Amino acid sequence: MSYLIVGLGNPGSEYDRTRHNIGWDVFESLPFFKDLFWKEKSKGLFASVDYEGEKFYFLKPQTYMNLSGESVIPFANYFKIQKENILIIHDELDLPYGTIAYKNGGGLAGHNGLKSIAAQMGDQNFKRLRMGIGRPPRGSVSDWVLGRFHGDEEIALEQYLDKSAVAILSYMKNGFGTAAQRYSKKNLIS
């Protein structure tokens, strides 16, 4: 069986290590990341790995966040990956920084990447790993999500990404249900 794990983000060096790109950044913390060979397909960069007897594809859409569905759905269709085997990793304003939560379906919370995927898929019933970035204390949401981490957040970022990668491995090894139980709004920063 094949699975697709999508990290949402924006291409271009100006978006490196921004809050909106945390879905891409967590891939770098996977233990096998250095062995992945990234190729182009369906307006995205992808790599694959055999893990626990299953095939996992990792996709970083290169369409910019607002058009993510234009990469995700054609990619899944090409490799015949069933909708229930797709996991979307994205930044989440409604969770405090350092907190993650698995979610199956539900609202889109104004996230344009999720909106694009839902529009292309035809519904909102897909699995997600929400990575908390918190809300801005002041100023615009757009500036916040496109801004870089600073202060204590920057100091804790590698720990956050490393522990989130463990949560992804839990999903890969044990399935969505088990991972969702273990990581239900769990703060990963000590």
N, C-alpha and C. Protein backbone atom coordinates (compact mmCIF):
# COMPACT_ATOMS: atom_id res chain seq x y z
N MET A 1 0.84 -1.18 0.00
CA MET A 1 0.00 0.00 0.00
C MET A 1 0.88 1.24 0.00
N SER A 2 0.42 2.31 -0.64
CA SER A 2 1.18 3.56 -0.73
C SER A 2 0.51 4.65 0.08
N TYR A 3 1.34 5.50 0.67
CA TYR A 3 0.90 6.63 1.48
C TYR A 3 1.58 7.90 0.99
N LEU A 4 0.90 9.01 1.17
CA LEU A 4 1.44 10.31 0.79
C LEU A 4 1.44 11.23 2.01
N ILE A 5 2.61 11.77 2.33
CA ILE A 5 2.73 12.77 3.40
C ILE A 5 3.15 14.07 2.74
N VAL A 6 2.30 15.08 2.89
CA VAL A 6 2.51 16.37 2.24
C VAL A 6 2.89 17.40 3.28
N GLY A 7 3.99 18.09 3.06
CA GLY A 7 4.36 19.23 3.89
C GLY A 7 4.01 20.49 3.13
N LEU A 8 3.20 21.35 3.74
CA LEU A 8 2.82 22.59 3.06
C LEU A 8 3.84 23.68 3.34
N GLY A 9 4.06 24.50 2.31
CA GLY A 9 5.00 25.61 2.42
C GLY A 9 5.01 26.41 1.14
N ASN A 10 5.90 27.39 1.10
CA ASN A 10 6.08 28.24 -0.07
C ASN A 10 7.50 28.08 -0.60
N PRO A 11 7.68 27.99 -1.91
CA PRO A 11 9.03 27.91 -2.47
C PRO A 11 9.72 29.28 -2.43
N GLY A 12 11.03 29.26 -2.46
CA GLY A 12 11.82 30.50 -2.50
C GLY A 12 12.53 30.75 -1.19
N SER A 13 13.76 31.24 -1.29
CA SER A 13 14.59 31.45 -0.09
C SER A 13 13.98 32.46 0.88
N GLU A 14 13.15 33.38 0.37
CA GLU A 14 12.54 34.37 1.27
C GLU A 14 11.56 33.73 2.25
N TYR A 15 11.14 32.49 1.98
CA TYR A 15 10.21 31.79 2.86
C TYR A 15 10.87 30.73 3.73
N ASP A 16 12.19 30.54 3.57
CA ASP A 16 12.91 29.55 4.37
C ASP A 16 12.71 29.83 5.85
N ARG A 17 12.38 28.77 6.58
CA ARG A 17 12.26 28.81 8.05
C ARG A 17 11.21 29.81 8.54
N THR A 18 10.20 30.07 7.73
CA THR A 18 9.07 30.88 8.19
C THR A 18 8.04 29.96 8.84
N ARG A 19 7.12 30.56 9.57
CA ARG A 19 6.09 29.77 10.25
C ARG A 19 5.24 28.98 9.24
N HIS A 20 4.94 29.60 8.11
CA HIS A 20 4.11 28.95 7.09
C HIS A 20 4.80 27.71 6.51
N ASN A 21 6.12 27.64 6.59
CA ASN A 21 6.87 26.54 5.98
C ASN A 21 7.23 25.43 6.96
N ILE A 22 6.63 25.43 8.13
CA ILE A 22 6.99 24.42 9.13
C ILE A 22 6.67 23.00 8.64
N GLY A 23 5.67 22.89 7.75
CA GLY A 23 5.33 21.59 7.18
C GLY A 23 6.45 21.02 6.31
N TRP A 24 7.21 21.90 5.67
CA TRP A 24 8.40 21.46 4.92
C TRP A 24 9.55 21.18 5.87
N ASP A 25 9.74 22.10 6.82
CA ASP A 25 10.92 22.04 7.69
C ASP A 25 10.98 20.75 8.50
N VAL A 26 9.82 20.21 8.89
CA VAL A 26 9.82 19.00 9.70
C VAL A 26 10.39 17.80 8.93
N PHE A 27 10.29 17.80 7.62
CA PHE A 27 10.86 16.70 6.83
C PHE A 27 12.35 16.55 7.10
N GLU A 28 13.04 17.69 7.29
CA GLU A 28 14.50 17.66 7.50
C GLU A 28 14.88 16.97 8.80
N SER A 29 13.94 16.80 9.71
CA SER A 29 14.22 16.14 10.99
C SER A 29 13.95 14.64 10.96
N LEU A 30 13.40 14.13 9.86
CA LEU A 30 13.20 12.69 9.75
C LEU A 30 14.55 11.99 9.69
N PRO A 31 14.71 10.86 10.37
CA PRO A 31 16.03 10.21 10.45
C PRO A 31 16.60 9.80 9.10
N PHE A 32 15.74 9.55 8.12
CA PHE A 32 16.21 9.11 6.81
C PHE A 32 16.25 10.27 5.81
N PHE A 33 16.10 11.51 6.27
CA PHE A 33 16.01 12.66 5.37
C PHE A 33 17.22 12.75 4.43
N LYS A 34 18.42 12.56 4.97
CA LYS A 34 19.63 12.71 4.16
C LYS A 34 19.73 11.66 3.05
N ASP A 35 18.97 10.57 3.18
CA ASP A 35 18.99 9.52 2.16
C ASP A 35 17.91 9.70 1.11
N LEU A 36 17.05 10.69 1.29
CA LEU A 36 15.97 10.91 0.32
C LEU A 36 16.50 11.60 -0.93
N PHE A 37 16.02 11.15 -2.08
CA PHE A 37 16.37 11.76 -3.36
C PHE A 37 15.13 12.45 -3.89
N TRP A 38 15.18 13.78 -3.98
CA TRP A 38 14.01 14.59 -4.37
C TRP A 38 13.96 14.77 -5.87
N LYS A 39 12.77 14.56 -6.44
CA LYS A 39 12.53 14.69 -7.87
C LYS A 39 11.31 15.59 -8.09
N GLU A 40 11.13 16.02 -9.32
CA GLU A 40 9.99 16.87 -9.65
C GLU A 40 8.85 16.04 -10.22
N LYS A 41 7.62 16.39 -9.81
CA LYS A 41 6.42 15.73 -10.33
C LYS A 41 5.21 16.54 -9.88
N SER A 42 4.25 16.72 -10.75
CA SER A 42 2.97 17.34 -10.40
C SER A 42 3.14 18.67 -9.65
N LYS A 43 3.98 19.53 -10.18
CA LYS A 43 4.22 20.87 -9.59
C LYS A 43 4.73 20.77 -8.16
N GLY A 44 5.53 19.75 -7.89
CA GLY A 44 6.08 19.60 -6.55
C GLY A 44 7.39 18.84 -6.56
N LEU A 45 8.05 18.82 -5.42
CA LEU A 45 9.24 18.01 -5.22
C LEU A 45 8.83 16.83 -4.35
N PHE A 46 9.24 15.63 -4.74
CA PHE A 46 8.85 14.45 -3.97
C PHE A 46 10.03 13.50 -3.79
N ALA A 47 9.92 12.71 -2.74
CA ALA A 47 10.87 11.65 -2.46
C ALA A 47 10.06 10.48 -1.90
N SER A 48 10.64 9.30 -1.90
CA SER A 48 9.92 8.15 -1.36
C SER A 48 10.86 7.29 -0.53
N VAL A 49 10.23 6.51 0.36
CA VAL A 49 10.99 5.60 1.21
C VAL A 49 10.11 4.39 1.51
N ASP A 50 10.72 3.23 1.60
CA ASP A 50 10.03 2.04 2.07
C ASP A 50 10.25 1.98 3.58
N TYR A 51 9.15 1.91 4.33
CA TYR A 51 9.23 1.95 5.78
C TYR A 51 8.21 0.98 6.36
N GLU A 52 8.67 0.07 7.20
CA GLU A 52 7.79 -0.91 7.84
C GLU A 52 6.95 -1.66 6.81
N GLY A 53 7.54 -1.95 5.65
CA GLY A 53 6.86 -2.73 4.63
C GLY A 53 5.87 -1.95 3.77
N GLU A 54 5.82 -0.64 3.93
CA GLU A 54 4.91 0.20 3.14
C GLU A 54 5.71 1.24 2.37
N LYS A 55 5.12 1.76 1.31
CA LYS A 55 5.75 2.80 0.50
C LYS A 55 5.18 4.15 0.93
N PHE A 56 6.06 5.08 1.30
CA PHE A 56 5.67 6.42 1.69
C PHE A 56 6.29 7.43 0.72
N TYR A 57 5.44 8.30 0.21
CA TYR A 57 5.89 9.42 -0.61
C TYR A 57 5.81 10.68 0.24
N PHE A 58 6.81 11.54 0.08
CA PHE A 58 6.82 12.85 0.72
C PHE A 58 6.75 13.89 -0.39
N LEU A 59 5.88 14.86 -0.22
CA LEU A 59 5.66 15.87 -1.27
C LEU A 59 5.75 17.26 -0.68
N LYS A 60 6.51 18.13 -1.36
CA LYS A 60 6.56 19.55 -1.04
C LYS A 60 6.03 20.30 -2.28
N PRO A 61 4.75 20.69 -2.27
CA PRO A 61 4.21 21.42 -3.42
C PRO A 61 5.01 22.69 -3.67
N GLN A 62 5.24 22.97 -4.94
CA GLN A 62 6.01 24.16 -5.33
C GLN A 62 5.11 25.23 -5.95
N THR A 63 3.83 25.15 -5.67
CA THR A 63 2.82 26.01 -6.29
C THR A 63 2.54 27.27 -5.49
N TYR A 64 3.18 27.45 -4.38
CA TYR A 64 2.82 28.42 -3.35
C TYR A 64 1.61 27.89 -2.60
N MET A 65 1.54 28.28 -1.36
CA MET A 65 0.56 27.73 -0.42
C MET A 65 -0.87 27.73 -0.98
N ASN A 66 -1.29 28.86 -1.54
CA ASN A 66 -2.69 29.02 -1.94
C ASN A 66 -3.13 28.09 -3.07
N LEU A 67 -2.19 27.45 -3.73
CA LEU A 67 -2.52 26.55 -4.84
C LEU A 67 -2.03 25.12 -4.58
N SER A 68 -1.83 24.78 -3.32
CA SER A 68 -1.27 23.47 -2.96
C SER A 68 -2.03 22.30 -3.57
N GLY A 69 -3.35 22.42 -3.66
CA GLY A 69 -4.16 21.33 -4.20
C GLY A 69 -3.81 20.98 -5.64
N GLU A 70 -3.27 21.96 -6.39
CA GLU A 70 -2.89 21.72 -7.79
C GLU A 70 -1.69 20.79 -7.90
N SER A 71 -0.98 20.59 -6.81
CA SER A 71 0.12 19.63 -6.77
C SER A 71 -0.31 18.33 -6.10
N VAL A 72 -0.98 18.45 -4.95
CA VAL A 72 -1.31 17.28 -4.12
C VAL A 72 -2.21 16.29 -4.85
N ILE A 73 -3.30 16.76 -5.41
CA ILE A 73 -4.29 15.84 -5.98
C ILE A 73 -3.77 15.17 -7.26
N PRO A 74 -3.17 15.90 -8.21
CA PRO A 74 -2.59 15.20 -9.37
C PRO A 74 -1.51 14.18 -8.98
N PHE A 75 -0.70 14.53 -7.97
CA PHE A 75 0.33 13.59 -7.51
C PHE A 75 -0.32 12.33 -6.96
N ALA A 76 -1.29 12.47 -6.08
CA ALA A 76 -1.97 11.31 -5.50
C ALA A 76 -2.65 10.47 -6.58
N ASN A 77 -3.26 11.13 -7.55
CA ASN A 77 -3.92 10.41 -8.64
C ASN A 77 -2.91 9.63 -9.47
N TYR A 78 -1.77 10.25 -9.77
CA TYR A 78 -0.75 9.60 -10.60
C TYR A 78 -0.25 8.32 -9.95
N PHE A 79 0.01 8.38 -8.63
CA PHE A 79 0.54 7.21 -7.93
C PHE A 79 -0.57 6.34 -7.32
N LYS A 80 -1.82 6.67 -7.66
CA LYS A 80 -2.98 5.88 -7.21
C LYS A 80 -3.01 5.73 -5.68
N ILE A 81 -2.78 6.86 -5.00
CA ILE A 81 -2.81 6.87 -3.54
C ILE A 81 -4.22 7.25 -3.10
N GLN A 82 -4.83 6.39 -2.31
CA GLN A 82 -6.19 6.61 -1.84
C GLN A 82 -6.25 7.82 -0.90
N LYS A 83 -7.36 8.53 -0.93
CA LYS A 83 -7.52 9.73 -0.10
C LYS A 83 -7.27 9.45 1.38
N GLU A 84 -7.72 8.29 1.85
CA GLU A 84 -7.54 7.97 3.27
C GLU A 84 -6.08 7.73 3.65
N ASN A 85 -5.19 7.64 2.64
CA ASN A 85 -3.76 7.44 2.89
C ASN A 85 -2.94 8.71 2.66
N ILE A 86 -3.60 9.85 2.65
CA ILE A 86 -2.92 11.14 2.49
C ILE A 86 -2.92 11.86 3.84
N LEU A 87 -1.77 12.36 4.24
CA LEU A 87 -1.61 13.15 5.45
C LEU A 87 -1.02 14.50 5.07
N ILE A 88 -1.68 15.58 5.47
CA ILE A 88 -1.22 16.94 5.19
C ILE A 88 -0.64 17.53 6.46
N ILE A 89 0.60 17.99 6.41
CA ILE A 89 1.25 18.64 7.55
C ILE A 89 1.24 20.15 7.30
N HIS A 90 0.70 20.90 8.26
CA HIS A 90 0.57 22.35 8.04
C HIS A 90 0.70 23.14 9.34
N ASP A 91 0.98 24.41 9.18
CA ASP A 91 1.03 25.34 10.30
C ASP A 91 -0.38 25.60 10.80
N GLU A 92 -0.52 25.80 12.11
CA GLU A 92 -1.85 25.97 12.71
C GLU A 92 -1.84 27.14 13.70
N LEU A 93 -2.56 28.20 13.35
CA LEU A 93 -2.66 29.38 14.22
C LEU A 93 -3.38 29.08 15.53
N ASP A 94 -4.34 28.17 15.51
CA ASP A 94 -5.18 27.92 16.67
C ASP A 94 -4.59 26.94 17.69
N LEU A 95 -3.34 26.56 17.51
CA LEU A 95 -2.62 25.76 18.51
C LEU A 95 -1.41 26.57 18.97
N PRO A 96 -1.10 26.53 20.26
CA PRO A 96 0.08 27.24 20.75
C PRO A 96 1.35 26.69 20.09
N TYR A 97 2.35 27.55 19.98
CA TYR A 97 3.64 27.13 19.43
C TYR A 97 4.16 25.92 20.22
N GLY A 98 4.63 24.93 19.49
CA GLY A 98 5.20 23.74 20.10
C GLY A 98 4.20 22.62 20.33
N THR A 99 2.93 22.86 20.00
CA THR A 99 1.88 21.87 20.19
C THR A 99 1.48 21.29 18.84
N ILE A 100 1.28 19.98 18.79
CA ILE A 100 0.81 19.34 17.57
C ILE A 100 -0.48 18.58 17.86
N ALA A 101 -1.23 18.32 16.81
CA ALA A 101 -2.44 17.52 16.94
C ALA A 101 -2.78 16.91 15.59
N TYR A 102 -3.08 15.62 15.61
CA TYR A 102 -3.61 14.97 14.41
C TYR A 102 -5.10 15.28 14.33
N LYS A 103 -5.60 15.40 13.12
CA LYS A 103 -7.02 15.69 12.91
C LYS A 103 -7.47 14.99 11.64
N ASN A 104 -8.67 14.44 11.68
CA ASN A 104 -9.24 13.79 10.49
C ASN A 104 -10.48 14.58 10.07
N GLY A 105 -10.37 15.30 8.96
CA GLY A 105 -11.48 16.09 8.47
C GLY A 105 -11.70 17.34 9.29
N GLY A 106 -12.90 17.90 9.17
CA GLY A 106 -13.24 19.09 9.93
C GLY A 106 -13.01 20.37 9.16
N GLY A 107 -13.09 21.47 9.87
CA GLY A 107 -12.96 22.79 9.26
C GLY A 107 -11.55 23.09 8.78
N LEU A 108 -11.43 24.17 8.03
CA LEU A 108 -10.16 24.54 7.42
C LEU A 108 -9.50 25.73 8.10
N ALA A 109 -10.22 26.37 9.04
CA ALA A 109 -9.69 27.47 9.86
C ALA A 109 -9.06 28.59 9.03
N GLY A 110 -9.58 28.82 7.83
CA GLY A 110 -9.06 29.90 7.00
C GLY A 110 -7.71 29.64 6.36
N HIS A 111 -7.20 28.41 6.46
CA HIS A 111 -5.88 28.07 5.91
C HIS A 111 -6.00 27.88 4.40
N ASN A 112 -5.36 28.75 3.64
CA ASN A 112 -5.51 28.74 2.19
C ASN A 112 -4.94 27.48 1.53
N GLY A 113 -3.91 26.90 2.09
CA GLY A 113 -3.39 25.66 1.55
C GLY A 113 -4.40 24.53 1.70
N LEU A 114 -5.02 24.44 2.87
CA LEU A 114 -6.05 23.43 3.09
C LEU A 114 -7.27 23.68 2.22
N LYS A 115 -7.64 24.95 2.05
CA LYS A 115 -8.77 25.30 1.18
C LYS A 115 -8.53 24.81 -0.24
N SER A 116 -7.32 25.01 -0.74
CA SER A 116 -6.98 24.59 -2.10
C SER A 116 -7.05 23.07 -2.24
N ILE A 117 -6.55 22.36 -1.25
CA ILE A 117 -6.60 20.89 -1.28
C ILE A 117 -8.05 20.42 -1.24
N ALA A 118 -8.85 21.00 -0.36
CA ALA A 118 -10.26 20.62 -0.24
C ALA A 118 -11.00 20.89 -1.55
N ALA A 119 -10.71 22.02 -2.19
CA ALA A 119 -11.38 22.36 -3.45
C ALA A 119 -11.04 21.35 -4.54
N GLN A 120 -9.77 20.95 -4.62
CA GLN A 120 -9.34 19.98 -5.63
C GLN A 120 -9.84 18.57 -5.31
N MET A 121 -9.91 18.25 -4.01
CA MET A 121 -10.33 16.92 -3.59
C MET A 121 -11.85 16.76 -3.65
N GLY A 122 -12.54 17.86 -3.47
CA GLY A 122 -14.00 17.81 -3.49
C GLY A 122 -14.65 17.71 -2.12
N ASP A 123 -13.83 17.62 -1.06
CA ASP A 123 -14.35 17.66 0.31
C ASP A 123 -13.21 17.95 1.28
N GLN A 124 -13.57 18.10 2.54
CA GLN A 124 -12.59 18.45 3.58
C GLN A 124 -12.19 17.25 4.42
N ASN A 125 -12.58 16.06 4.02
CA ASN A 125 -12.35 14.87 4.82
C ASN A 125 -11.00 14.24 4.51
N PHE A 126 -9.95 14.89 4.96
CA PHE A 126 -8.62 14.34 4.80
C PHE A 126 -7.85 14.51 6.11
N LYS A 127 -6.83 13.68 6.29
CA LYS A 127 -6.05 13.65 7.53
C LYS A 127 -5.02 14.77 7.53
N ARG A 128 -4.79 15.29 8.75
CA ARG A 128 -3.84 16.39 8.90
C ARG A 128 -3.00 16.20 10.16
N LEU A 129 -1.80 16.74 10.11
CA LEU A 129 -1.00 16.94 11.31
C LEU A 129 -0.84 18.45 11.45
N ARG A 130 -1.49 19.00 12.47
CA ARG A 130 -1.50 20.44 12.71
C ARG A 130 -0.31 20.78 13.60
N MET A 131 0.54 21.68 13.15
CA MET A 131 1.71 22.11 13.92
C MET A 131 1.48 23.54 14.40
N GLY A 132 1.34 23.68 15.71
CA GLY A 132 0.99 24.97 16.29
C GLY A 132 2.06 26.03 16.11
N ILE A 133 1.63 27.18 15.63
CA ILE A 133 2.52 28.35 15.54
C ILE A 133 1.96 29.51 16.37
N GLY A 134 0.78 29.32 16.96
CA GLY A 134 0.17 30.37 17.77
C GLY A 134 -0.30 31.54 16.93
N ARG A 135 -1.02 32.43 17.57
CA ARG A 135 -1.51 33.64 16.90
C ARG A 135 -0.59 34.81 17.23
N PRO A 136 -0.53 35.80 16.34
CA PRO A 136 0.33 36.96 16.62
C PRO A 136 -0.20 37.75 17.82
N PRO A 137 0.70 38.21 18.69
CA PRO A 137 0.25 39.03 19.82
C PRO A 137 -0.34 40.36 19.35
N ARG A 138 0.09 40.81 18.19
CA ARG A 138 -0.43 42.03 17.56
C ARG A 138 -0.01 41.98 16.09
N GLY A 139 -0.62 42.82 15.28
CA GLY A 139 -0.26 42.87 13.87
C GLY A 139 -1.06 41.89 13.04
N SER A 140 -0.69 41.79 11.77
CA SER A 140 -1.46 40.99 10.83
C SER A 140 -1.08 39.51 10.89
N VAL A 141 -2.08 38.68 10.63
CA VAL A 141 -1.86 37.24 10.57
C VAL A 141 -0.92 36.91 9.41
N SER A 142 -1.10 37.59 8.29
CA SER A 142 -0.26 37.34 7.11
C SER A 142 1.23 37.59 7.43
N ASP A 143 1.52 38.71 8.07
CA ASP A 143 2.91 38.99 8.45
C ASP A 143 3.44 37.95 9.42
N TRP A 144 2.57 37.47 10.31
CA TRP A 144 2.96 36.47 11.30
C TRP A 144 3.34 35.15 10.64
N VAL A 145 2.47 34.62 9.79
CA VAL A 145 2.74 33.31 9.20
C VAL A 145 3.91 33.36 8.22
N LEU A 146 4.11 34.51 7.59
CA LEU A 146 5.22 34.64 6.65
C LEU A 146 6.51 35.10 7.33
N GLY A 147 6.44 35.33 8.64
CA GLY A 147 7.61 35.75 9.40
C GLY A 147 8.39 34.56 9.92
N ARG A 148 9.62 34.85 10.32
CA ARG A 148 10.48 33.81 10.88
C ARG A 148 10.30 33.72 12.40
N PHE A 149 10.70 32.58 12.93
CA PHE A 149 10.67 32.38 14.37
C PHE A 149 11.76 33.25 15.00
N HIS A 150 11.51 33.71 16.22
CA HIS A 150 12.50 34.53 16.92
C HIS A 150 12.46 34.25 18.41
N GLY A 151 13.47 34.69 19.10
CA GLY A 151 13.52 34.54 20.56
C GLY A 151 13.44 33.09 21.00
N ASP A 152 12.60 32.85 22.01
CA ASP A 152 12.45 31.50 22.58
C ASP A 152 11.95 30.50 21.55
N GLU A 153 11.10 30.97 20.61
CA GLU A 153 10.60 30.06 19.57
C GLU A 153 11.74 29.55 18.70
N GLU A 154 12.63 30.44 18.33
CA GLU A 154 13.77 30.04 17.49
C GLU A 154 14.67 29.07 18.24
N ILE A 155 14.89 29.34 19.52
CA ILE A 155 15.74 28.46 20.35
C ILE A 155 15.15 27.06 20.43
N ALA A 156 13.83 26.96 20.54
CA ALA A 156 13.17 25.66 20.71
C ALA A 156 12.80 24.99 19.38
N LEU A 157 13.06 25.65 18.25
CA LEU A 157 12.57 25.15 16.96
C LEU A 157 13.11 23.75 16.62
N GLU A 158 14.39 23.52 16.79
CA GLU A 158 14.94 22.20 16.42
C GLU A 158 14.32 21.09 17.27
N GLN A 159 14.12 21.36 18.56
CA GLN A 159 13.47 20.38 19.43
C GLN A 159 12.04 20.12 18.95
N TYR A 160 11.33 21.17 18.60
CA TYR A 160 9.96 21.06 18.11
C TYR A 160 9.91 20.22 16.84
N LEU A 161 10.80 20.51 15.90
CA LEU A 161 10.83 19.77 14.64
C LEU A 161 11.22 18.31 14.86
N ASP A 162 12.22 18.08 15.71
CA ASP A 162 12.68 16.70 15.96
C ASP A 162 11.57 15.86 16.60
N LYS A 163 10.87 16.42 17.57
CA LYS A 163 9.81 15.66 18.24
C LYS A 163 8.59 15.50 17.33
N SER A 164 8.35 16.46 16.45
CA SER A 164 7.28 16.33 15.47
C SER A 164 7.60 15.23 14.48
N ALA A 165 8.89 15.10 14.12
CA ALA A 165 9.31 14.02 13.22
C ALA A 165 9.05 12.66 13.87
N VAL A 166 9.24 12.55 15.18
CA VAL A 166 8.92 11.31 15.89
C VAL A 166 7.43 11.01 15.79
N ALA A 167 6.60 12.06 15.87
CA ALA A 167 5.15 11.89 15.72
C ALA A 167 4.79 11.40 14.32
N ILE A 168 5.53 11.86 13.31
CA ILE A 168 5.30 11.40 11.94
C ILE A 168 5.71 9.93 11.81
N LEU A 169 6.82 9.57 12.42
CA LEU A 169 7.24 8.16 12.40
C LEU A 169 6.22 7.28 13.11
N SER A 170 5.60 7.79 14.16
CA SER A 170 4.54 7.05 14.84
C SER A 170 3.38 6.78 13.89
N TYR A 171 3.01 7.79 13.12
CA TYR A 171 1.96 7.62 12.10
C TYR A 171 2.38 6.56 11.08
N MET A 172 3.62 6.65 10.61
CA MET A 172 4.09 5.73 9.58
C MET A 172 4.14 4.28 10.10
N LYS A 173 4.51 4.11 11.34
CA LYS A 173 4.66 2.77 11.91
C LYS A 173 3.34 2.19 12.42
N ASN A 174 2.54 3.03 13.09
CA ASN A 174 1.39 2.52 13.83
C ASN A 174 0.04 2.92 13.24
N GLY A 175 0.02 3.80 12.25
CA GLY A 175 -1.23 4.24 11.65
C GLY A 175 -1.76 5.51 12.28
N PHE A 176 -2.76 6.08 11.62
CA PHE A 176 -3.31 7.36 12.02
C PHE A 176 -3.97 7.32 13.39
N GLY A 177 -4.78 6.30 13.65
CA GLY A 177 -5.51 6.23 14.91
C GLY A 177 -4.61 6.23 16.13
N THR A 178 -3.57 5.42 16.10
CA THR A 178 -2.63 5.35 17.22
C THR A 178 -1.87 6.66 17.38
N ALA A 179 -1.38 7.21 16.26
CA ALA A 179 -0.65 8.47 16.32
C ALA A 179 -1.54 9.59 16.85
N ALA A 180 -2.79 9.60 16.43
CA ALA A 180 -3.72 10.64 16.88
C ALA A 180 -3.97 10.54 18.38
N GLN A 181 -4.01 9.33 18.92
CA GLN A 181 -4.20 9.16 20.37
C GLN A 181 -2.98 9.64 21.14
N ARG A 182 -1.81 9.32 20.63
CA ARG A 182 -0.57 9.69 21.32
C ARG A 182 -0.29 11.19 21.26
N TYR A 183 -0.72 11.82 20.17
CA TYR A 183 -0.40 13.23 19.93
C TYR A 183 -1.68 14.04 19.79
N SER A 184 -2.49 14.05 20.83
CA SER A 184 -3.73 14.81 20.84
C SER A 184 -3.47 16.13 21.55
N LYS A 185 -3.21 17.17 20.76
CA LYS A 185 -2.86 18.50 21.30
C LYS A 185 -1.74 18.39 22.32
N LYS A 186 -0.67 17.75 21.89
CA LYS A 186 0.47 17.50 22.77
C LYS A 186 1.53 18.57 22.58
N ASN A 187 1.94 19.19 23.71
CA ASN A 187 3.03 20.16 23.67
C ASN A 187 4.35 19.39 23.67
N LEU A 188 5.18 19.67 22.67
CA LEU A 188 6.43 18.91 22.50
C LEU A 188 7.66 19.63 23.04
N ILE A 189 7.47 20.83 23.52
CA ILE A 189 8.63 21.63 23.99
C ILE A 189 8.69 21.56 25.51
N SER A 190 9.84 21.11 26.00
CA SER A 190 9.98 21.00 27.46
C SER A 190 10.65 22.24 28.04
